[in-house]
Amino acid sequence: MTITPVRFDSGQISHFIAIKQDITERVQREQRQAILNQLSEVMRTARTRADLVLVIMRQLTAVVPARVWMLWREAATGWQIEHVCGEAARFDWLSQRVPEVLRHAAVLPSWCEPVAHDDDHQQELVVVPIRCVDCGQSHPGGALVLLCDEPLAQQTIELLGAIADRIGNALHRTALFEQIQQTNAELRAAYEATIEGWARALDLRDHETEGHSRRVTDLTIRIARRMGIDDETLVHIRRGALLHDIGKIGVPDAILNKPGPLNDEEWAIMRTHPTLAYELLHPIAFLAPAIDIPWCHHERWDGSGYPRGLRGEEIPLAARIFAVADVYDALTSDRPYRTAWSPVQALAYIRAQAGRQFDPDVVAVMVTMLEEEMNNPDTPVEEGKSDA
């Protein structure tokens, strides 16, 4: 059997070459897009700039092999290295040369120049400015720098340019996120300082209880933490404890600081302070989660408290914890009408009130905790202040 060879004319050959070239270009585009998609995906996991930089460098070293990979950023004092990996043989030279290059390359998509090594083997320095495309940034805020053994292909340089755009957008988003976090932290600190200022003002107004808010807050947090309450809830408990008597700003001084017993009418006014606290704090979204203690700390386990006569577990747990800590601190503090009780006396009274005035479970936890501390005075007391 004779096989006749197939012959193609020049037109057919050109057509086949075009098909092959088209396939090659399509594969290259798909590969490039896959690299960019993978980079974007891993960058989404980073929440801080430091994390993002590590992710970026890990991805880049896998995409383009180079002797040295560097990430530069522009700071107020000028261009500086943010991260570097690879060989350090030419590190000193690069740290001097790159800022010079960036003064010229800042307006270009990329910069490539040959570099003579000590053994006369020529390498290539590649600098790709990083801009935030999403925000229309024309001036680069950073740069990718790599030192390669061979000149990079044009499609690789174009890929690095596309990568730099993705990195610029990611760095910008991370900077905005960190700025928001910093602003929120400063705002929270201002809120916390305001709350503590209110608490001090209340203590100063009620001279008999000066320092009470800080002490009872500390004890409340320690009990709550011992009971396994999570840190996020502890933040609200701390705020509520500091502001437990905020409603007393609506109680006249003549009643609040009266040296003798209050009459029935005066007691009726005094007992409005939890409701006044609710009316003050409820409209403030930041403090609404902390309202349980100011509103409910005078409720009693047996239902005989005020302002709503709640009973048992109808009383919010935060208020049940605070009520025990509040009475213990009051009993162990000096008052004009009596000297402070000893811790042993105070704990005996609180035990006797378990199931009447106080939640028995809370009493058990606090008594055990304080007795452990009294029996082991050298054991450091757990800090009650939560991170807020």
Protein backbone atom coordinates (compact mmCIF):
# COMPACT_ATOMS: atom_id res chain seq x y z
CA MET A 1 0.00 0.00 0.00
CA THR A 2 1.43 3.32 -1.03
CA ILE A 3 0.93 6.36 1.21
CA THR A 4 0.72 9.55 -0.73
CA PRO A 5 2.15 12.47 1.26
CA VAL A 6 -0.23 15.37 1.85
CA ARG A 7 1.03 18.59 0.44
CA PHE A 8 -0.17 21.99 1.62
CA ASP A 9 0.12 25.14 -0.35
CA SER A 10 1.52 28.32 1.17
CA GLY A 11 -1.93 29.66 1.97
CA GLN A 12 -2.86 26.60 3.97
CA ILE A 13 0.45 26.68 5.82
CA SER A 14 -0.08 30.31 6.75
CA HIS A 15 -3.56 29.43 7.95
CA PHE A 16 -2.23 26.63 10.18
CA ILE A 17 0.46 28.93 11.58
CA ALA A 18 -2.19 31.55 12.38
CA ILE A 19 -4.32 28.93 14.14
CA LYS A 20 -1.33 27.77 16.17
CA GLN A 21 -0.44 31.35 17.06
CA ASP A 22 -4.02 32.07 18.04
CA ILE A 23 -4.11 28.99 20.27
CA THR A 24 -0.79 29.96 21.86
CA GLU A 25 -1.96 33.51 22.56
CA ARG A 26 -5.25 32.26 23.97
CA VAL A 27 -3.41 29.84 26.27
CA GLN A 28 -1.09 32.63 27.36
CA ARG A 29 -4.07 34.91 28.12
CA GLU A 30 -5.73 32.16 30.11
CA GLN A 31 -2.54 31.48 32.04
CA ARG A 32 -2.10 35.18 32.74
CA GLN A 33 -5.68 35.51 33.92
CA ALA A 34 -5.32 32.44 36.12
CA ILE A 35 -2.24 33.96 37.78
CA LEU A 36 -4.04 37.27 38.36
CA ASN A 37 -7.13 35.53 39.73
CA GLN A 38 -5.05 33.43 42.11
CA LEU A 39 -3.18 36.52 43.32
CA SER A 40 -6.44 38.40 43.91
CA GLU A 41 -7.90 35.45 45.78
CA VAL A 42 -5.00 35.05 48.19
CA MET A 43 -4.75 38.82 48.73
CA ARG A 44 -8.36 38.89 49.96
CA THR A 45 -7.34 36.83 52.99
CA ALA A 46 -4.97 39.56 54.25
CA ARG A 47 -6.35 42.11 56.70
CA THR A 48 -3.20 44.11 57.45
CA ARG A 49 -0.53 45.55 55.20
CA ALA A 50 2.11 43.30 56.77
CA ASP A 51 0.05 40.19 55.99
CA LEU A 52 -0.66 41.44 52.48
CA VAL A 53 3.01 42.06 51.74
CA LEU A 54 3.95 38.52 52.79
CA VAL A 55 1.20 37.07 50.59
CA ILE A 56 2.29 39.18 47.64
CA MET A 57 5.95 38.21 47.87
CA ARG A 58 5.12 34.53 48.27
CA GLN A 59 3.02 34.62 45.09
CA LEU A 60 5.48 36.68 43.07
CA THR A 61 8.48 34.45 43.75
CA ALA A 62 6.44 31.52 42.46
CA VAL A 63 5.41 33.33 39.27
CA VAL A 64 8.73 34.87 38.17
CA PRO A 65 12.01 33.34 39.36
CA ALA A 66 14.57 36.01 40.24
CA ARG A 67 17.76 36.36 42.24
CA VAL A 68 16.27 39.20 44.26
CA TRP A 69 12.66 40.27 44.81
CA MET A 70 12.00 43.58 46.53
CA LEU A 71 8.90 45.56 47.39
CA TRP A 72 9.46 49.27 47.81
CA ARG A 73 7.08 51.88 49.20
CA GLU A 74 7.15 55.65 49.16
CA ALA A 75 7.09 57.13 52.63
CA ALA A 76 7.20 60.73 53.82
CA THR A 77 11.00 60.51 53.98
CA GLY A 78 11.34 59.03 50.48
CA TRP A 79 11.52 55.59 48.90
CA GLN A 80 12.30 52.72 51.27
CA ILE A 81 12.40 48.94 51.18
CA GLU A 82 9.33 47.27 52.66
CA HIS A 83 10.23 43.62 51.99
CA VAL A 84 13.04 41.72 50.30
CA CYS A 85 13.75 38.08 49.57
CA GLY A 86 16.38 36.18 47.60
CA GLU A 87 20.11 36.65 47.36
CA ALA A 88 21.57 39.66 49.17
CA ALA A 89 24.81 39.87 47.16
CA ARG A 90 23.76 43.05 45.38
CA PHE A 91 21.51 44.39 48.12
CA ASP A 92 23.62 47.48 48.87
CA TRP A 93 23.83 48.43 45.22
CA LEU A 94 20.11 47.96 44.70
CA SER A 95 19.24 50.04 47.76
CA GLN A 96 21.14 52.93 46.18
CA ARG A 97 20.16 52.41 42.55
CA VAL A 98 16.42 51.77 42.87
CA PRO A 99 15.49 55.22 44.30
CA GLU A 100 17.38 56.79 41.41
CA VAL A 101 15.49 54.64 38.92
CA LEU A 102 12.14 55.42 40.52
CA ARG A 103 12.70 59.14 40.04
CA HIS A 104 12.76 58.48 36.29
CA ALA A 105 10.50 55.40 36.05
CA ALA A 106 7.61 56.74 38.11
CA VAL A 107 5.73 57.81 34.98
CA LEU A 108 6.52 54.61 33.03
CA PRO A 109 4.74 51.24 33.13
CA SER A 110 8.11 49.55 33.74
CA TRP A 111 11.88 50.04 33.63
CA CYS A 112 14.49 47.50 32.58
CA GLU A 113 18.25 47.96 32.54
CA PRO A 114 21.24 45.62 32.27
CA VAL A 115 23.39 45.09 35.35
CA ALA A 116 26.99 43.84 35.17
CA HIS A 117 27.77 41.26 37.87
CA ASP A 118 31.23 40.74 39.35
CA ASP A 119 31.88 37.77 37.05
CA ASP A 120 30.88 39.85 34.02
CA HIS A 121 27.65 37.89 33.75
CA GLN A 122 25.03 40.42 32.81
CA GLN A 123 21.77 40.47 34.72
CA GLU A 124 18.68 42.60 34.34
CA LEU A 125 17.13 45.00 36.81
CA VAL A 126 13.35 45.30 36.42
CA VAL A 127 11.33 48.00 38.18
CA VAL A 128 7.53 48.06 37.91
CA PRO A 129 5.78 51.01 39.62
CA ILE A 130 2.68 50.20 41.71
CA ARG A 131 -0.32 52.49 41.38
CA CYS A 132 -3.87 52.30 42.63
CA VAL A 133 -5.87 51.97 39.43
CA ASP A 134 -9.25 52.00 41.19
CA CYS A 135 -8.68 55.45 42.67
CA GLY A 136 -7.04 56.90 39.54
CA GLN A 137 -3.66 57.32 41.20
CA SER A 138 -1.05 58.54 38.69
CA HIS A 139 1.89 58.73 41.09
CA PRO A 140 3.14 55.33 42.25
CA GLY A 141 3.02 54.55 45.95
CA GLY A 142 5.26 51.53 45.61
CA ALA A 143 7.30 49.44 43.21
CA LEU A 144 8.11 45.84 42.41
CA VAL A 145 11.84 45.33 41.92
CA LEU A 146 13.52 42.17 40.73
CA LEU A 147 17.00 41.17 39.60
CA CYS A 148 16.98 38.43 36.95
CA ASP A 149 19.68 36.33 35.33
CA GLU A 150 18.13 36.77 31.88
CA PRO A 151 16.08 39.54 30.27
CA LEU A 152 12.38 38.97 30.80
CA ALA A 153 10.06 38.35 27.87
CA GLN A 154 7.74 41.19 26.99
CA GLN A 155 4.64 39.21 28.00
CA THR A 156 6.21 38.60 31.43
CA ILE A 157 6.83 42.32 31.90
CA GLU A 158 3.24 43.01 30.86
CA LEU A 159 2.10 40.38 33.37
CA LEU A 160 4.10 42.12 36.09
CA GLY A 161 2.40 45.38 35.16
CA ALA A 162 -1.03 43.78 35.55
CA ILE A 163 0.08 42.24 38.85
CA ALA A 164 1.30 45.65 40.03
CA ASP A 165 -2.15 47.13 39.31
CA ARG A 166 -3.84 44.41 41.39
CA ILE A 167 -1.32 44.93 44.19
CA GLY A 168 -1.83 48.72 44.10
CA ASN A 169 -5.58 48.32 44.49
CA ALA A 170 -5.15 45.77 47.29
CA LEU A 171 -2.66 47.96 49.16
CA HIS A 172 -5.02 50.91 48.86
CA ARG A 173 -7.96 48.90 50.22
CA THR A 174 -5.82 47.62 53.08
CA ALA A 175 -4.68 51.16 53.90
CA LEU A 176 -8.32 52.30 54.00
CA PHE A 177 -9.25 49.33 56.21
CA GLU A 178 -6.39 50.05 58.63
CA GLN A 179 -7.33 53.74 58.66
CA ILE A 180 -10.93 52.84 59.53
CA GLN A 181 -9.71 50.50 62.26
CA GLN A 182 -7.49 53.22 63.68
CA THR A 183 -10.32 55.74 63.59
CA ASN A 184 -12.66 53.27 65.28
CA ALA A 185 -10.05 52.51 67.94
CA GLU A 186 -9.59 56.21 68.63
CA LEU A 187 -13.36 56.68 68.76
CA ARG A 188 -13.76 53.74 71.16
CA ALA A 189 -10.98 55.12 73.34
CA ALA A 190 -12.74 58.49 73.41
CA TYR A 191 -16.02 56.79 74.34
CA GLU A 192 -14.34 54.78 77.09
CA ALA A 193 -12.65 57.90 78.47
CA THR A 194 -16.02 59.67 78.45
CA ILE A 195 -17.69 56.78 80.28
CA GLU A 196 -14.96 56.70 82.92
CA GLY A 197 -15.26 60.46 83.27
CA TRP A 198 -18.99 60.12 83.88
CA ALA A 199 -18.34 57.42 86.47
CA ARG A 200 -15.80 59.62 88.30
CA ALA A 201 -18.21 62.54 88.21
CA LEU A 202 -20.94 60.38 89.75
CA ASP A 203 -18.57 59.19 92.46
CA LEU A 204 -17.52 62.75 93.24
CA ARG A 205 -21.13 63.87 93.44
CA ASP A 206 -21.96 61.08 95.89
CA HIS A 207 -19.12 61.57 98.36
CA GLU A 208 -20.01 58.43 100.31
CA THR A 209 -19.20 56.21 97.34
CA GLU A 210 -16.06 57.83 95.94
CA GLY A 211 -14.04 55.20 94.04
CA HIS A 212 -16.94 52.76 94.25
CA SER A 213 -17.59 52.59 90.48
CA ARG A 214 -14.02 51.52 89.65
CA ARG A 215 -13.85 48.93 92.44
CA VAL A 216 -17.22 47.36 91.77
CA THR A 217 -16.56 47.30 88.02
CA ASP A 218 -13.31 45.43 88.59
CA LEU A 219 -14.99 42.88 90.85
CA THR A 220 -17.93 42.43 88.46
CA ILE A 221 -15.61 41.71 85.54
CA ARG A 222 -13.61 39.20 87.58
CA ILE A 223 -16.76 37.32 88.57
CA ALA A 224 -18.13 37.40 85.02
CA ARG A 225 -14.86 36.11 83.59
CA ARG A 226 -14.82 33.33 86.22
CA MET A 227 -18.33 32.39 85.02
CA GLY A 228 -17.08 32.00 81.45
CA ILE A 229 -18.60 35.10 79.88
CA ASP A 230 -16.96 35.95 76.56
CA ASP A 231 -14.73 38.99 76.03
CA GLU A 232 -17.17 40.85 73.77
CA THR A 233 -19.89 40.67 76.43
CA LEU A 234 -17.38 41.68 79.11
CA VAL A 235 -16.86 44.97 77.30
CA HIS A 236 -20.56 45.82 77.63
CA ILE A 237 -20.64 44.61 81.24
CA ARG A 238 -17.72 46.88 82.07
CA ARG A 239 -19.46 49.90 80.56
CA GLY A 240 -22.70 49.08 82.33
CA ALA A 241 -20.93 48.64 85.67
CA LEU A 242 -19.16 51.98 85.35
CA LEU A 243 -22.47 53.67 84.56
CA HIS A 244 -24.65 51.73 87.01
CA ASP A 245 -25.71 54.88 88.87
CA ILE A 246 -25.92 57.21 85.86
CA GLY A 247 -29.63 57.67 86.60
CA LYS A 248 -28.76 59.43 89.85
CA ILE A 249 -27.99 62.58 87.91
CA GLY A 250 -31.76 63.03 87.93
CA VAL A 251 -31.97 62.72 91.72
CA PRO A 252 -31.77 66.03 93.63
CA ASP A 253 -28.67 66.59 95.77
CA ALA A 254 -30.86 67.11 98.82
CA ILE A 255 -32.03 63.50 98.52
CA LEU A 256 -28.81 61.96 97.26
CA ASN A 257 -26.68 63.44 100.04
CA LYS A 258 -29.24 63.55 102.84
CA PRO A 259 -27.41 62.62 106.09
CA GLY A 260 -30.36 60.83 107.64
CA PRO A 261 -32.90 58.23 106.48
CA LEU A 262 -35.07 59.02 103.48
CA ASN A 263 -38.80 59.35 103.90
CA ASP A 264 -41.28 57.51 101.68
CA GLU A 265 -41.53 60.33 99.16
CA GLU A 266 -37.77 60.66 98.92
CA TRP A 267 -37.38 56.90 98.49
CA ALA A 268 -39.89 57.00 95.66
CA ILE A 269 -37.73 59.60 93.91
CA MET A 270 -34.49 57.69 94.63
CA ARG A 271 -35.97 54.52 93.15
CA THR A 272 -36.55 56.24 89.83
CA HIS A 273 -32.82 56.28 89.06
CA PRO A 274 -32.76 52.89 87.24
CA THR A 275 -35.60 54.04 84.98
CA LEU A 276 -33.84 57.35 84.42
CA ALA A 277 -30.71 55.39 83.47
CA TYR A 278 -32.72 53.43 80.89
CA GLU A 279 -34.15 56.62 79.43
CA LEU A 280 -30.67 58.15 79.22
CA LEU A 281 -28.80 55.20 77.74
CA HIS A 282 -31.34 53.43 75.55
CA PRO A 283 -31.24 56.01 72.71
CA ILE A 284 -27.43 55.76 72.54
CA ALA A 285 -26.68 52.81 70.23
CA PHE A 286 -23.13 52.49 71.53
CA LEU A 287 -24.37 52.05 75.11
CA ALA A 288 -27.63 50.17 74.53
CA PRO A 289 -25.95 46.74 75.00
CA ALA A 290 -24.66 47.94 78.39
CA ILE A 291 -28.07 48.91 79.73
CA ASP A 292 -28.82 45.76 81.77
CA ILE A 293 -26.78 46.78 84.81
CA PRO A 294 -27.93 50.43 85.13
CA TRP A 295 -31.55 49.38 84.61
CA CYS A 296 -31.73 46.13 86.60
CA HIS A 297 -29.08 46.16 89.35
CA HIS A 298 -31.68 46.81 92.07
CA GLU A 299 -33.87 43.86 91.06
CA ARG A 300 -33.82 40.99 93.57
CA TRP A 301 -33.76 37.24 93.00
CA ASP A 302 -37.03 36.81 94.97
CA GLY A 303 -38.85 39.48 92.92
CA SER A 304 -38.96 42.14 95.65
CA GLY A 305 -36.62 44.57 93.89
CA TYR A 306 -37.27 47.56 91.65
CA PRO A 307 -38.04 49.14 89.21
CA ARG A 308 -39.91 46.22 87.54
CA GLY A 309 -40.02 43.52 90.19
CA LEU A 310 -38.17 40.96 88.04
CA ARG A 311 -37.60 37.54 89.56
CA GLY A 312 -34.87 34.89 89.21
CA GLU A 313 -33.50 34.50 85.69
CA GLU A 314 -35.84 37.21 84.42
CA ILE A 315 -33.10 39.50 85.72
CA PRO A 316 -30.29 39.81 83.14
CA LEU A 317 -27.19 37.85 84.17
CA ALA A 318 -24.96 40.96 84.03
CA ALA A 319 -27.23 42.69 86.56
CA ARG A 320 -27.29 39.61 88.82
CA ILE A 321 -23.50 39.51 88.85
CA PHE A 322 -23.21 43.23 89.47
CA ALA A 323 -25.73 43.18 92.33
CA VAL A 324 -23.55 40.80 94.35
CA ALA A 325 -20.36 42.75 93.63
CA ASP A 326 -22.11 46.05 94.42
CA VAL A 327 -23.30 44.97 97.87
CA TYR A 328 -19.94 43.39 98.73
CA ASP A 329 -18.10 46.61 97.89
CA ALA A 330 -20.63 48.71 99.81
CA LEU A 331 -20.33 46.51 102.90
CA THR A 332 -16.52 46.51 102.87
CA SER A 333 -16.29 50.32 102.43
CA ASP A 334 -16.50 52.95 105.17
CA ARG A 335 -19.70 54.96 105.40
CA PRO A 336 -20.49 57.98 107.63
CA TYR A 337 -23.05 55.88 109.50
CA ARG A 338 -20.82 52.75 109.95
CA THR A 339 -17.31 51.43 109.53
CA ALA A 340 -16.46 48.94 106.81
CA TRP A 341 -17.24 45.29 107.43
CA SER A 342 -14.49 42.74 107.15
CA PRO A 343 -14.49 40.58 103.99
CA VAL A 344 -15.47 37.57 106.12
CA GLN A 345 -18.50 39.41 107.55
CA ALA A 346 -19.54 40.65 104.13
CA LEU A 347 -19.29 37.19 102.56
CA ALA A 348 -21.33 35.71 105.43
CA TYR A 349 -24.10 38.24 104.78
CA ILE A 350 -24.04 37.59 101.02
CA ARG A 351 -24.24 33.83 101.58
CA ALA A 352 -27.29 34.38 103.79
CA GLN A 353 -28.96 36.39 101.01
CA ALA A 354 -28.38 33.77 98.29
CA GLY A 355 -31.79 32.78 96.89
CA ARG A 356 -33.42 35.91 98.31
CA GLN A 357 -31.59 39.02 97.18
CA PHE A 358 -28.95 37.32 95.03
CA ASP A 359 -28.60 34.62 92.39
CA PRO A 360 -27.22 31.58 94.31
CA ASP A 361 -24.93 30.58 91.45
CA VAL A 362 -23.34 34.03 91.29
CA VAL A 363 -22.90 34.05 95.06
CA ALA A 364 -21.15 30.67 94.93
CA VAL A 365 -18.73 31.85 92.25
CA MET A 366 -17.86 35.12 93.99
CA VAL A 367 -17.47 33.56 97.43
CA THR A 368 -15.20 30.83 96.08
CA MET A 369 -13.10 33.36 94.14
CA LEU A 370 -12.67 35.76 97.06
CA GLU A 371 -11.97 33.01 99.58
CA GLU A 372 -9.27 31.62 97.27
CA GLU A 373 -7.69 35.07 97.15
CA MET A 374 -7.89 35.50 100.94
CA ASN A 375 -6.41 32.05 101.56
CA ASN A 376 -3.66 32.60 98.98
CA PRO A 377 -2.65 36.25 99.38
CA ASP A 378 0.49 35.79 97.27
CA THR A 379 -1.55 34.72 94.23
CA PRO A 380 -1.88 37.63 91.77
CA VAL A 381 -5.44 38.89 91.51
CA GLU A 382 -6.77 38.49 87.99
CA GLU A 383 -7.04 41.88 86.30
CA GLY A 384 -10.67 42.75 85.92
CA LYS A 385 -10.36 45.44 83.32
CA SER A 386 -11.35 44.10 79.91
CA ASP A 387 -9.96 45.23 76.57
CA ALA A 388 -12.40 47.76 75.31
